[in-house]
Amino acid sequence: MEFVEPIRNKKQIDAMKKYLRGQNIRDYLLLVLGINSGLRISDLLKLNIEDVHQQERISIREQKTGKRKDFPLSEICKKAIHEFVKVTGRVSGVLFASRKGNKSISRVQAYRILNEAAKQVGIEEAIGVHSTRKTFAYHAYQSGVDITRIQKLLNHSSPSVTLAYIGITKMELDEIYISLNL
């Protein structure tokens, strides 16, 4: 499995959203929910429309850990979900439905969607299905959220695991010492 990066540049995130919205509303929603929830792709792809439509929160049992996860939907997620329902006319069933309609797209198809969108907007780093989760964590960290809180959100064993996961390098941490100069 290839190591993937978070999408660090917010302009590139916006460009990916714009590109995907123009391609397929389902794919746009996949990106928006992924980067705003931090859910693993396996948990995203299990969602039904009823799990998110007209909901304030998402409540699931994580496939990997078996733990319950319950969190509020952001306004951008609610808007994307509303737009999805309006465009598709669907209010029930699999959220990220394949062309067959009765089952979800595969993890491989999700990878293709996200990777192609990244290429289209000029992202050269390796982008894959895990990039949405890493992007969520990276931008939370960059906005000042304490690493131990992000660790808890991601169910990681330690802050150092979370820092490595989101791609915060030793050089970036060293920059704090160099620039502080109290």
Protein backbone atom coordinates (compact mmCIF):
# COMPACT_ATOMS: atom_id res chain seq x y z
CA MET A 1 0.00 0.00 0.00
CA GLU A 2 1.32 3.43 -0.96
CA PHE A 3 1.96 6.06 1.73
CA VAL A 4 -0.33 9.03 1.09
CA GLU A 5 -0.22 12.64 2.20
CA PRO A 6 -2.81 15.04 3.57
CA ILE A 7 -3.93 17.81 1.23
CA ARG A 8 -2.14 20.69 2.92
CA ASN A 9 -3.09 23.57 0.64
CA LYS A 10 -6.62 24.93 1.17
CA LYS A 11 -6.75 26.37 -2.36
CA GLN A 12 -6.09 22.88 -3.70
CA ILE A 13 -8.87 21.51 -1.49
CA ASP A 14 -11.24 24.13 -2.90
CA ALA A 15 -10.10 23.30 -6.44
CA MET A 16 -10.73 19.59 -5.82
CA LYS A 17 -14.21 20.39 -4.50
CA LYS A 18 -14.98 22.50 -7.55
CA TYR A 19 -13.66 19.83 -9.91
CA LEU A 20 -15.60 17.00 -8.21
CA ARG A 21 -18.81 19.03 -7.96
CA GLY A 22 -18.63 19.48 -11.73
CA GLN A 23 -18.00 15.76 -12.30
CA ASN A 24 -20.35 13.99 -9.91
CA ILE A 25 -22.18 15.23 -6.81
CA ARG A 26 -21.58 11.87 -5.09
CA ASP A 27 -17.82 12.26 -5.52
CA TYR A 28 -17.96 15.84 -4.25
CA LEU A 29 -19.80 14.62 -1.15
CA LEU A 30 -17.20 11.87 -0.63
CA LEU A 31 -14.45 14.49 -0.44
CA VAL A 32 -16.43 16.94 1.71
CA LEU A 33 -17.52 14.30 4.25
CA GLY A 34 -14.07 12.73 4.29
CA ILE A 35 -12.11 15.90 5.00
CA ASN A 36 -14.65 17.22 7.51
CA SER A 37 -15.22 14.06 9.52
CA GLY A 38 -11.91 12.23 9.66
CA LEU A 39 -13.72 8.94 9.07
CA ARG A 40 -11.82 6.06 7.55
CA ILE A 41 -12.86 5.24 3.99
CA SER A 42 -14.32 1.92 5.17
CA ASP A 43 -16.68 3.82 7.47
CA LEU A 44 -17.55 6.47 4.87
CA LEU A 45 -18.47 3.85 2.30
CA LYS A 46 -20.79 2.10 4.77
CA LEU A 47 -22.97 5.18 5.24
CA ASN A 48 -26.54 5.26 4.05
CA ILE A 49 -28.35 8.44 3.07
CA GLU A 50 -30.57 8.06 6.15
CA ASP A 51 -27.42 8.22 8.33
CA VAL A 52 -26.70 11.78 7.19
CA HIS A 53 -29.75 13.36 5.52
CA GLN A 54 -31.57 15.78 7.83
CA GLN A 55 -29.30 14.67 10.67
CA GLU A 56 -27.34 16.83 13.08
CA ARG A 57 -24.90 14.06 13.96
CA ILE A 58 -23.36 10.92 12.55
CA SER A 59 -23.35 7.94 14.85
CA ILE A 60 -21.57 4.78 13.72
CA ARG A 61 -19.59 1.83 14.97
CA GLU A 62 -16.12 2.02 13.44
CA GLN A 63 -15.35 -0.98 11.31
CA LYS A 64 -11.65 -1.12 12.23
CA THR A 65 -11.87 -0.55 15.99
CA GLY A 66 -15.43 -1.62 16.77
CA LYS A 67 -15.76 1.58 18.84
CA ARG A 68 -18.79 3.87 18.69
CA LYS A 69 -18.17 7.21 17.06
CA ASP A 70 -20.66 10.02 17.38
CA PHE A 71 -20.01 13.55 16.12
CA PRO A 72 -21.86 16.59 14.78
CA LEU A 73 -22.05 17.42 11.09
CA SER A 74 -20.51 20.75 10.10
CA GLU A 75 -22.50 23.28 8.08
CA ILE A 76 -20.48 22.54 4.93
CA CYS A 77 -21.31 18.83 5.30
CA LYS A 78 -25.01 19.58 5.78
CA LYS A 79 -25.01 21.79 2.67
CA ALA A 80 -23.22 19.13 0.60
CA ILE A 81 -25.67 16.46 1.78
CA HIS A 82 -28.64 18.71 0.98
CA GLU A 83 -27.21 19.41 -2.48
CA PHE A 84 -26.64 15.68 -3.03
CA VAL A 85 -30.27 14.86 -2.15
CA LYS A 86 -31.57 17.73 -4.28
CA VAL A 87 -29.51 16.72 -7.34
CA THR A 88 -30.01 12.95 -7.07
CA GLY A 89 -33.56 12.90 -5.69
CA ARG A 90 -32.46 10.05 -3.43
CA VAL A 91 -33.41 10.09 0.26
CA SER A 92 -32.61 6.51 1.20
CA GLY A 93 -30.20 3.74 0.38
CA VAL A 94 -26.44 3.59 0.02
CA LEU A 95 -24.90 7.07 0.16
CA PHE A 96 -21.95 6.44 -2.15
CA ALA A 97 -23.77 4.12 -4.51
CA SER A 98 -22.03 2.47 -7.44
CA ARG A 99 -23.61 2.48 -10.88
CA LYS A 100 -25.46 -0.65 -9.86
CA GLY A 101 -27.09 1.50 -7.20
CA ASN A 102 -27.66 -1.08 -4.50
CA LYS A 103 -24.11 -1.21 -3.18
CA SER A 104 -21.42 1.28 -2.37
CA ILE A 105 -18.51 2.13 -4.62
CA SER A 106 -15.39 0.16 -3.82
CA ARG A 107 -12.37 1.42 -1.96
CA VAL A 108 -10.47 1.19 -5.27
CA GLN A 109 -13.08 3.36 -7.01
CA ALA A 110 -12.91 5.91 -4.19
CA TYR A 111 -9.13 5.97 -4.64
CA ARG A 112 -9.51 6.56 -8.39
CA ILE A 113 -11.96 9.42 -7.79
CA LEU A 114 -9.79 11.24 -5.25
CA ASN A 115 -6.51 10.57 -7.03
CA GLU A 116 -7.84 11.81 -10.38
CA ALA A 117 -9.26 14.97 -8.78
CA ALA A 118 -5.89 15.63 -7.11
CA LYS A 119 -4.07 15.23 -10.44
CA GLN A 120 -6.57 17.52 -12.18
CA VAL A 121 -5.83 20.35 -9.75
CA GLY A 122 -2.06 19.91 -9.86
CA ILE A 123 -1.38 18.06 -6.61
CA GLU A 124 1.85 16.14 -7.06
CA GLU A 125 1.97 14.40 -3.66
CA ALA A 126 0.59 10.88 -3.33
CA ILE A 127 -3.16 11.23 -2.67
CA GLY A 128 -5.45 8.34 -1.84
CA VAL A 129 -8.46 7.37 0.22
CA HIS A 130 -6.61 7.92 3.49
CA SER A 131 -5.72 11.47 2.44
CA THR A 132 -9.16 12.73 3.45
CA ARG A 133 -8.69 11.51 7.04
CA LYS A 134 -5.15 12.89 7.15
CA THR A 135 -6.35 16.20 5.71
CA PHE A 136 -8.94 16.48 8.50
CA ALA A 137 -6.28 15.89 11.15
CA TYR A 138 -3.64 18.08 9.50
CA HIS A 139 -5.91 21.11 9.23
CA ALA A 140 -7.25 20.61 12.75
CA TYR A 141 -3.64 20.68 13.99
CA GLN A 142 -2.76 23.69 11.85
CA SER A 143 -5.76 25.59 13.22
CA GLY A 144 -4.49 25.12 16.78
CA VAL A 145 -6.35 22.04 17.98
CA ASP A 146 -4.25 20.26 20.59
CA ILE A 147 -2.57 17.12 19.27
CA THR A 148 -3.96 15.00 22.11
CA ARG A 149 -7.50 15.93 21.07
CA ILE A 150 -6.77 14.97 17.48
CA GLN A 151 -5.21 11.75 18.76
CA LYS A 152 -8.48 10.98 20.56
CA LEU A 153 -10.59 11.81 17.50
CA LEU A 154 -8.50 9.44 15.37
CA ASN A 155 -8.22 6.74 18.07
CA HIS A 156 -4.42 6.77 17.90
CA SER A 157 -2.24 5.32 20.66
CA SER A 158 -0.03 8.39 21.20
CA PRO A 159 0.51 12.00 20.10
CA SER A 160 3.71 11.00 18.28
CA VAL A 161 1.74 8.53 16.16
CA THR A 162 -0.73 11.29 15.29
CA LEU A 163 2.03 13.78 14.40
CA ALA A 164 3.69 11.24 12.11
CA TYR A 165 0.30 10.31 10.65
CA ILE A 166 -0.51 13.87 9.60
CA GLY A 167 2.96 14.47 8.25
CA ILE A 168 4.26 16.95 10.79
CA THR A 169 7.99 16.60 10.37
CA LYS A 170 10.76 17.11 12.89
CA MET A 171 11.87 20.08 10.79
CA GLU A 172 8.45 21.74 11.23
CA LEU A 173 8.61 21.16 14.99
CA ASP A 174 12.21 22.45 15.11
CA GLU A 175 10.98 25.65 13.43
CA ILE A 176 9.04 26.43 16.62
CA TYR A 177 12.31 26.57 18.58
CA ILE A 178 14.01 28.65 15.94
CA SER A 179 11.20 31.18 15.47
CA LEU A 180 9.99 31.67 19.06
CA ASN A 181 12.91 33.81 20.34
CA LEU A 182 11.28 34.99 23.60
